[in-house]
PDB file of N, CA and C in Angstrom:
ATOM      1  N   UNK A   1     -35.454  -3.173   4.513  1.00  0.00           N
ATOM      2  CA  UNK A   1     -34.979  -1.911   4.068  1.00  0.00           C
ATOM      3  C   UNK A   1     -34.420  -1.132   5.357  1.00  0.00           C
ATOM      4  N   UNK A   2     -34.782  -0.982   6.449  1.00  0.00           N
ATOM      5  CA  UNK A   2     -34.434   0.048   7.562  1.00  0.00           C
ATOM      6  C   UNK A   2     -33.021  -0.679   8.080  1.00  0.00           C
ATOM      7  N   UNK A   3     -33.201  -2.055   7.802  1.00  0.00           N
ATOM      8  CA  UNK A   3     -31.827  -2.805   8.485  1.00  0.00           C
ATOM      9  C   UNK A   3     -30.767  -2.337   7.483  1.00  0.00           C
ATOM     10  N   UNK A   4     -30.777  -2.304   6.279  1.00  0.00           N
ATOM     11  CA  UNK A   4     -29.619  -1.774   5.349  1.00  0.00           C
ATOM     12  C   UNK A   4     -29.414  -0.251   5.589  1.00  0.00           C
ATOM     13  N   UNK A   5     -30.304   0.542   5.935  1.00  0.00           N
ATOM     14  CA  UNK A   5     -29.988   1.920   6.091  1.00  0.00           C
ATOM     15  C   UNK A   5     -29.257   2.189   7.547  1.00  0.00           C
ATOM     16  N   UNK A   6     -29.899   0.987   8.541  1.00  0.00           N
ATOM     17  CA  UNK A   6     -28.988   1.249   9.868  1.00  0.00           C
ATOM     18  C   UNK A   6     -27.703   0.974   9.522  1.00  0.00           C
ATOM     19  N   UNK A   7     -27.798  -0.196   8.706  1.00  0.00           N
ATOM     20  CA  UNK A   7     -26.057  -0.536   8.361  1.00  0.00           C
ATOM     21  C   UNK A   7     -25.239   0.586   7.744  1.00  0.00           C
ATOM     22  N   UNK A   8     -25.825   0.743   6.810  1.00  0.00           N
ATOM     23  CA  UNK A   8     -25.018   2.176   6.051  1.00  0.00           C
ATOM     24  C   UNK A   8     -24.674   3.196   7.151  1.00  0.00           C
ATOM     25  N   UNK A   9     -25.654   3.439   7.910  1.00  0.00           N
ATOM     26  CA  UNK A   9     -25.322   4.748   8.777  1.00  0.00           C
ATOM     27  C   UNK A   9     -24.360   4.446   9.972  1.00  0.00           C
ATOM     28  N   UNK A  10     -24.062   3.237  10.492  1.00  0.00           N
ATOM     29  CA  UNK A  10     -23.155   2.821  11.448  1.00  0.00           C
ATOM     30  C   UNK A  10     -21.916   2.650  10.338  1.00  0.00           C
ATOM     31  N   UNK A  11     -22.021   1.994   9.221  1.00  0.00           N
ATOM     32  CA  UNK A  11     -20.517   1.913   8.424  1.00  0.00           C
ATOM     33  C   UNK A  11     -20.084   3.181   8.164  1.00  0.00           C
ATOM     34  N   UNK A  12     -20.862   4.146   7.995  1.00  0.00           N
ATOM     35  CA  UNK A  12     -20.341   5.633   7.644  1.00  0.00           C
ATOM     36  C   UNK A  12     -19.761   6.068   8.793  1.00  0.00           C
ATOM     37  N   UNK A  13     -20.220   5.949   9.852  1.00  0.00           N
ATOM     38  CA  UNK A  13     -19.430   6.483  11.245  1.00  0.00           C
ATOM     39  C   UNK A  13     -18.338   5.864  11.456  1.00  0.00           C
ATOM     40  N   UNK A  14     -18.166   4.535  11.291  1.00  0.00           N
ATOM     41  CA  UNK A  14     -17.005   3.676  11.019  1.00  0.00           C
ATOM     42  C   UNK A  14     -16.045   4.416  10.338  1.00  0.00           C
ATOM     43  N   UNK A  15     -16.285   4.701   8.929  1.00  0.00           N
ATOM     44  CA  UNK A  15     -15.479   5.142   7.966  1.00  0.00           C
ATOM     45  C   UNK A  15     -15.316   6.546   8.391  1.00  0.00           C
ATOM     46  N   UNK A  16     -15.873   6.801   8.852  1.00  0.00           N
ATOM     47  CA  UNK A  16     -15.339   8.472   9.427  1.00  0.00           C
ATOM     48  C   UNK A  16     -14.325   8.422  10.316  1.00  0.00           C
ATOM     49  N   UNK A  17     -14.412   7.633  11.223  1.00  0.00           N
ATOM     50  CA  UNK A  17     -13.455   7.464  12.550  1.00  0.00           C
ATOM     51  C   UNK A  17     -12.088   6.724  11.962  1.00  0.00           C
ATOM     52  N   UNK A  18     -12.543   5.892  10.838  1.00  0.00           N
ATOM     53  CA  UNK A  18     -11.193   5.359  10.291  1.00  0.00           C
ATOM     54  C   UNK A  18     -10.232   6.319   9.846  1.00  0.00           C
ATOM     55  N   UNK A  19     -10.867   7.149   8.837  1.00  0.00           N
ATOM     56  CA  UNK A  19     -10.262   8.491   7.968  1.00  0.00           C
ATOM     57  C   UNK A  19      -9.618   8.954   8.866  1.00  0.00           C
ATOM     58  N   UNK A  20     -10.017   9.565  10.005  1.00  0.00           N
ATOM     59  CA  UNK A  20      -9.541  10.587  11.108  1.00  0.00           C
ATOM     60  C   UNK A  20      -8.445  10.116  11.526  1.00  0.00           C
ATOM     61  N   UNK A  21      -8.399   8.797  12.035  1.00  0.00           N
ATOM     62  CA  UNK A  21      -7.473   8.242  12.896  1.00  0.00           C
ATOM     63  C   UNK A  21      -6.096   7.946  11.988  1.00  0.00           C
ATOM     64  N   UNK A  22      -6.044   8.308  10.650  1.00  0.00           N
ATOM     65  CA  UNK A  22      -5.128   8.172   9.934  1.00  0.00           C
ATOM     66  C   UNK A  22      -4.051   9.124  10.134  1.00  0.00           C
ATOM     67  N   UNK A  23      -2.580   9.185   9.658  1.00  0.00           N
ATOM     68  CA  UNK A  23      -2.061  10.112   9.963  1.00  0.00           C
ATOM     69  C   UNK A  23      -2.025  11.475   9.132  1.00  0.00           C
ATOM     70  N   UNK A  24      -1.753  12.538   9.700  1.00  0.00           N
ATOM     71  CA  UNK A  24      -1.583  13.657   8.810  1.00  0.00           C
ATOM     72  C   UNK A  24      -0.266  14.119   8.272  1.00  0.00           C
ATOM     73  N   UNK A  25      -0.606  14.820   7.070  1.00  0.00           N
ATOM     74  CA  UNK A  25       0.733  15.445   6.663  1.00  0.00           C
ATOM     75  C   UNK A  25       1.662  14.092   5.769  1.00  0.00           C
ATOM     76  N   UNK A  26       0.803  13.234   5.268  1.00  0.00           N
ATOM     77  CA  UNK A  26       1.254  12.298   4.578  1.00  0.00           C
ATOM     78  C   UNK A  26       0.471  12.067   3.026  1.00  0.00           C
ATOM     79  N   UNK A  27       0.817  11.502   2.173  1.00  0.00           N
ATOM     80  CA  UNK A  27      -0.050  11.060   0.885  1.00  0.00           C
ATOM     81  C   UNK A  27       0.089  12.251   0.499  1.00  0.00           C
ATOM     82  N   UNK A  28      -1.028  12.920  -0.112  1.00  0.00           N
ATOM     83  CA  UNK A  28      -1.072  14.111  -1.196  1.00  0.00           C
ATOM     84  C   UNK A  28      -0.704  15.337  -0.641  1.00  0.00           C
ATOM     85  N   UNK A  29      -0.215  15.345   0.757  1.00  0.00           N
ATOM     86  CA  UNK A  29       0.281  16.899   1.550  1.00  0.00           C
ATOM     87  C   UNK A  29       1.927  16.889   1.290  1.00  0.00           C
ATOM     88  N   UNK A  30       2.741  15.937   0.284  1.00  0.00           N
ATOM     89  CA  UNK A  30       3.742  16.120   0.606  1.00  0.00           C
ATOM     90  C   UNK A  30       4.079  17.015  -0.762  1.00  0.00           C
ATOM     91  N   UNK A  31       4.999  17.872  -0.651  1.00  0.00           N
ATOM     92  CA  UNK A  31       5.305  19.272  -1.783  1.00  0.00           C
ATOM     93  C   UNK A  31       5.846  18.310  -2.700  1.00  0.00           C
ATOM     94  N   UNK A  32       5.317  18.286  -3.917  1.00  0.00           N
ATOM     95  CA  UNK A  32       5.960  18.051  -5.250  1.00  0.00           C
ATOM     96  C   UNK A  32       7.277  18.617  -5.509  1.00  0.00           C
ATOM     97  N   UNK A  33       8.034  17.731  -6.042  1.00  0.00           N
ATOM     98  CA  UNK A  33       9.591  17.705  -6.168  1.00  0.00           C
ATOM     99  C   UNK A  33      10.325  17.574  -4.938  1.00  0.00           C
ATOM    100  N   UNK A  34      10.123  17.178  -3.788  1.00  0.00           N
ATOM    101  CA  UNK A  34      11.045  16.983  -2.717  1.00  0.00           C
ATOM    102  C   UNK A  34      11.173  15.517  -3.099  1.00  0.00           C
ATOM    103  N   UNK A  35      12.604  15.383  -2.427  1.00  0.00           N
ATOM    104  CA  UNK A  35      13.072  14.046  -2.449  1.00  0.00           C
ATOM    105  C   UNK A  35      12.532  13.238  -1.293  1.00  0.00           C
ATOM    106  N   UNK A  36      11.629  13.457  -0.545  1.00  0.00           N
ATOM    107  CA  UNK A  36      11.196  12.439   0.606  1.00  0.00           C
ATOM    108  C   UNK A  36      10.229  11.631   0.185  1.00  0.00           C
ATOM    109  N   UNK A  37      10.789  10.643  -0.672  1.00  0.00           N
ATOM    110  CA  UNK A  37       9.819   9.353  -0.901  1.00  0.00           C
ATOM    111  C   UNK A  37       9.435   8.604   0.066  1.00  0.00           C
ATOM    112  N   UNK A  38      10.207   8.223   1.304  1.00  0.00           N
ATOM    113  CA  UNK A  38       9.935   7.568   2.202  1.00  0.00           C
ATOM    114  C   UNK A  38       8.587   7.796   2.630  1.00  0.00           C
ATOM    115  N   UNK A  39       8.135   8.813   2.849  1.00  0.00           N
ATOM    116  CA  UNK A  39       6.689   9.180   3.401  1.00  0.00           C
ATOM    117  C   UNK A  39       5.579   8.523   2.753  1.00  0.00           C
ATOM    118  N   UNK A  40       5.847   8.105   1.398  1.00  0.00           N
ATOM    119  CA  UNK A  40       4.884   7.476   0.703  1.00  0.00           C
ATOM    120  C   UNK A  40       4.534   5.967   1.180  1.00  0.00           C
ATOM    121  N   UNK A  41       5.530   5.225   1.893  1.00  0.00           N
ATOM    122  CA  UNK A  41       5.445   4.142   2.319  1.00  0.00           C
ATOM    123  C   UNK A  41       4.527   3.996   3.474  1.00  0.00           C
ATOM    124  N   UNK A  42       3.807   2.978   4.016  1.00  0.00           N
ATOM    125  CA  UNK A  42       2.980   2.834   5.090  1.00  0.00           C
ATOM    126  C   UNK A  42       3.464   1.716   5.701  1.00  0.00           C
ATOM    127  N   UNK A  43       3.777   1.352   6.730  1.00  0.00           N
ATOM    128  CA  UNK A  43       4.144   0.302   7.465  1.00  0.00           C
ATOM    129  C   UNK A  43       3.564  -0.092   8.904  1.00  0.00           C
ATOM    130  N   UNK A  44       3.216  -1.340   9.317  1.00  0.00           N
ATOM    131  CA  UNK A  44       2.625  -1.446  10.497  1.00  0.00           C
ATOM    132  C   UNK A  44       1.337  -1.275  10.795  1.00  0.00           C
ATOM    133  N   UNK A  45       1.095  -0.481  11.661  1.00  0.00           N
ATOM    134  CA  UNK A  45      -0.553  -0.255  12.200  1.00  0.00           C
ATOM    135  C   UNK A  45      -1.517   0.874  11.021  1.00  0.00           C
ATOM    136  N   UNK A  46      -0.317   1.413  10.208  1.00  0.00           N
ATOM    137  CA  UNK A  46      -0.471   2.562   9.584  1.00  0.00           C
ATOM    138  C   UNK A  46      -1.051   1.760   8.028  1.00  0.00           C
ATOM    139  N   UNK A  47      -0.434   0.821   7.813  1.00  0.00           N
ATOM    140  CA  UNK A  47      -0.859  -0.154   6.692  1.00  0.00           C
ATOM    141  C   UNK A  47      -2.226  -0.818   7.154  1.00  0.00           C
ATOM    142  N   UNK A  48      -2.425  -1.522   8.260  1.00  0.00           N
ATOM    143  CA  UNK A  48      -3.388  -2.019   8.595  1.00  0.00           C
ATOM    144  C   UNK A  48      -4.679  -1.103   8.479  1.00  0.00           C
ATOM    145  N   UNK A  49      -4.362   0.113   8.986  1.00  0.00           N
ATOM    146  CA  UNK A  49      -5.776   0.977   8.944  1.00  0.00           C
ATOM    147  C   UNK A  49      -5.939   1.401   7.525  1.00  0.00           C
ATOM    148  N   UNK A  50      -4.925   1.662   6.810  1.00  0.00           N
ATOM    149  CA  UNK A  50      -5.078   1.906   5.323  1.00  0.00           C
ATOM    150  C   UNK A  50      -6.159   0.767   4.535  1.00  0.00           C
ATOM    151  N   UNK A  51      -5.763  -0.423   4.974  1.00  0.00           N
ATOM    152  CA  UNK A  51      -6.333  -1.502   4.165  1.00  0.00           C
ATOM    153  C   UNK A  51      -7.790  -1.950   4.820  1.00  0.00           C
ATOM    154  N   UNK A  52      -8.202  -1.629   6.094  1.00  0.00           N
ATOM    155  CA  UNK A  52      -9.253  -1.745   6.610  1.00  0.00           C
ATOM    156  C   UNK A  52     -10.060  -0.508   6.181  1.00  0.00           C
ATOM    157  N   UNK A  53      -9.713   0.935   5.877  1.00  0.00           N
ATOM    158  CA  UNK A  53     -10.529   1.645   5.365  1.00  0.00           C
ATOM    159  C   UNK A  53     -10.732   1.689   4.055  1.00  0.00           C
ATOM    160  N   UNK A  54     -10.198   0.875   3.140  1.00  0.00           N
ATOM    161  CA  UNK A  54     -10.219   0.409   1.627  1.00  0.00           C
ATOM    162  C   UNK A  54     -11.115  -0.339   1.812  1.00  0.00           C
ATOM    163  N   UNK A  55     -11.011  -1.358   2.903  1.00  0.00           N
ATOM    164  CA  UNK A  55     -12.388  -2.458   2.687  1.00  0.00           C
ATOM    165  C   UNK A  55     -13.654  -2.069   3.229  1.00  0.00           C
ATOM    166  N   UNK A  56     -13.772  -0.896   4.160  1.00  0.00           N
ATOM    167  CA  UNK A  56     -14.785  -0.786   4.537  1.00  0.00           C
ATOM    168  C   UNK A  56     -15.679   0.188   3.731  1.00  0.00           C
ATOM    169  N   UNK A  57     -14.747   1.101   2.953  1.00  0.00           N
ATOM    170  CA  UNK A  57     -15.387   1.639   1.948  1.00  0.00           C
ATOM    171  C   UNK A  57     -15.964   0.861   0.429  1.00  0.00           C
ATOM    172  N   UNK A  58     -15.187   0.025   0.441  1.00  0.00           N
ATOM    173  CA  UNK A  58     -15.777  -1.288  -0.363  1.00  0.00           C
ATOM    174  C   UNK A  58     -17.278  -1.779  -0.252  1.00  0.00           C
ATOM    175  N   UNK A  59     -16.905  -2.283   1.104  1.00  0.00           N
ATOM    176  CA  UNK A  59     -18.293  -2.818   1.565  1.00  0.00           C
ATOM    177  C   UNK A  59     -19.583  -1.562   1.620  1.00  0.00           C
ATOM    178  N   UNK A  60     -19.158  -0.477   1.989  1.00  0.00           N
ATOM    179  CA  UNK A  60     -20.107   0.843   1.967  1.00  0.00           C
ATOM    180  C   UNK A  60     -20.781   1.094   0.274  1.00  0.00           C
ATOM    181  N   UNK A  61     -19.869   0.679  -0.416  1.00  0.00           N
ATOM    182  CA  UNK A  61     -20.261   1.109  -1.975  1.00  0.00           C
ATOM    183  C   UNK A  61     -21.217   0.016  -2.212  1.00  0.00           C
ATOM    184  N   UNK A  62     -20.697  -1.261  -1.960  1.00  0.00           N
ATOM    185  CA  UNK A  62     -21.546  -2.589  -2.449  1.00  0.00           C
ATOM    186  C   UNK A  62     -22.948  -2.371  -1.817  1.00  0.00           C
ATOM    187  N   UNK A  63     -23.023  -2.184  -0.501  1.00  0.00           N
ATOM    188  CA  UNK A  63     -24.197  -2.114   0.411  1.00  0.00           C
ATOM    189  C   UNK A  63     -25.135  -1.069  -0.682  1.00  0.00           C
ATOM    190  N   UNK A  64     -24.644  -0.124  -0.810  1.00  0.00           N
ATOM    191  CA  UNK A  64     -25.302   1.152  -1.247  1.00  0.00           C
ATOM    192  C   UNK A  64     -26.038   0.794  -2.635  1.00  0.00           C
ATOM    193  N   UNK A  65     -24.986   0.057  -3.301  1.00  0.00           N
ATOM    194  CA  UNK A  65     -25.766  -0.380  -4.491  1.00  0.00           C
ATOM    195  C   UNK A  65     -26.621  -1.501  -4.424  1.00  0.00           C
ATOM    196  N   UNK A  66     -26.595  -2.302  -3.648  1.00  0.00           N
ATOM    197  CA  UNK A  66     -27.628  -3.230  -2.958  1.00  0.00           C
ATOM    198  C   UNK A  66     -29.051  -2.679  -2.600  1.00  0.00           C
ATOM    199  N   UNK A  67     -28.703  -1.699  -1.725  1.00  0.00           N
ATOM    200  CA  UNK A  67     -30.129  -1.229  -1.289  1.00  0.00           C
ATOM    201  C   UNK A  67     -30.773  -0.214  -2.488  1.00  0.00           C
ATOM    202  N   UNK A  68     -29.922   0.244  -3.399  1.00  0.00           N
ATOM    203  CA  UNK A  68     -30.469   1.156  -4.296  1.00  0.00           C
ATOM    204  C   UNK A  68     -31.311   0.195  -5.420  1.00  0.00           C
ATOM    205  N   UNK A  69     -30.984  -1.169  -5.550  1.00  0.00           N
ATOM    206  CA  UNK A  69     -31.341  -2.318  -6.365  1.00  0.00           C
ATOM    207  C   UNK A  69     -32.819  -2.705  -5.943  1.00  0.00           C
ATOM    208  N   UNK A  70     -32.630  -3.153  -4.273  1.00  0.00           N
ATOM    209  CA  UNK A  70     -33.512  -3.236  -3.663  1.00  0.00           C
ATOM    210  C   UNK A  70     -35.041  -2.380  -3.609  1.00  0.00           C
ATOM    211  N   UNK A  71     -34.707  -1.100  -3.229  1.00  0.00           N
ATOM    212  CA  UNK A  71     -35.735   0.184  -3.367  1.00  0.00           C
ATOM    213  C   UNK A  71     -36.558   0.228  -4.490  1.00  0.00           C
TER     214      UNK A  71
END
């Protein structure tokens, strides 16, 4: 059980870093009603970082559920 806890701790730190690396002033921070719809698109390294973040969160949730049923 302690191995899973350590893995979850490390994974949570990596998720925090991945979220902090993402660009500011994009996504939900765009003012509604503006015609600047190009900011919703992710390209290149921004898209890769977004997908990695989603994957990491999925692994975190799955591992947390497994740890819950083991305990």
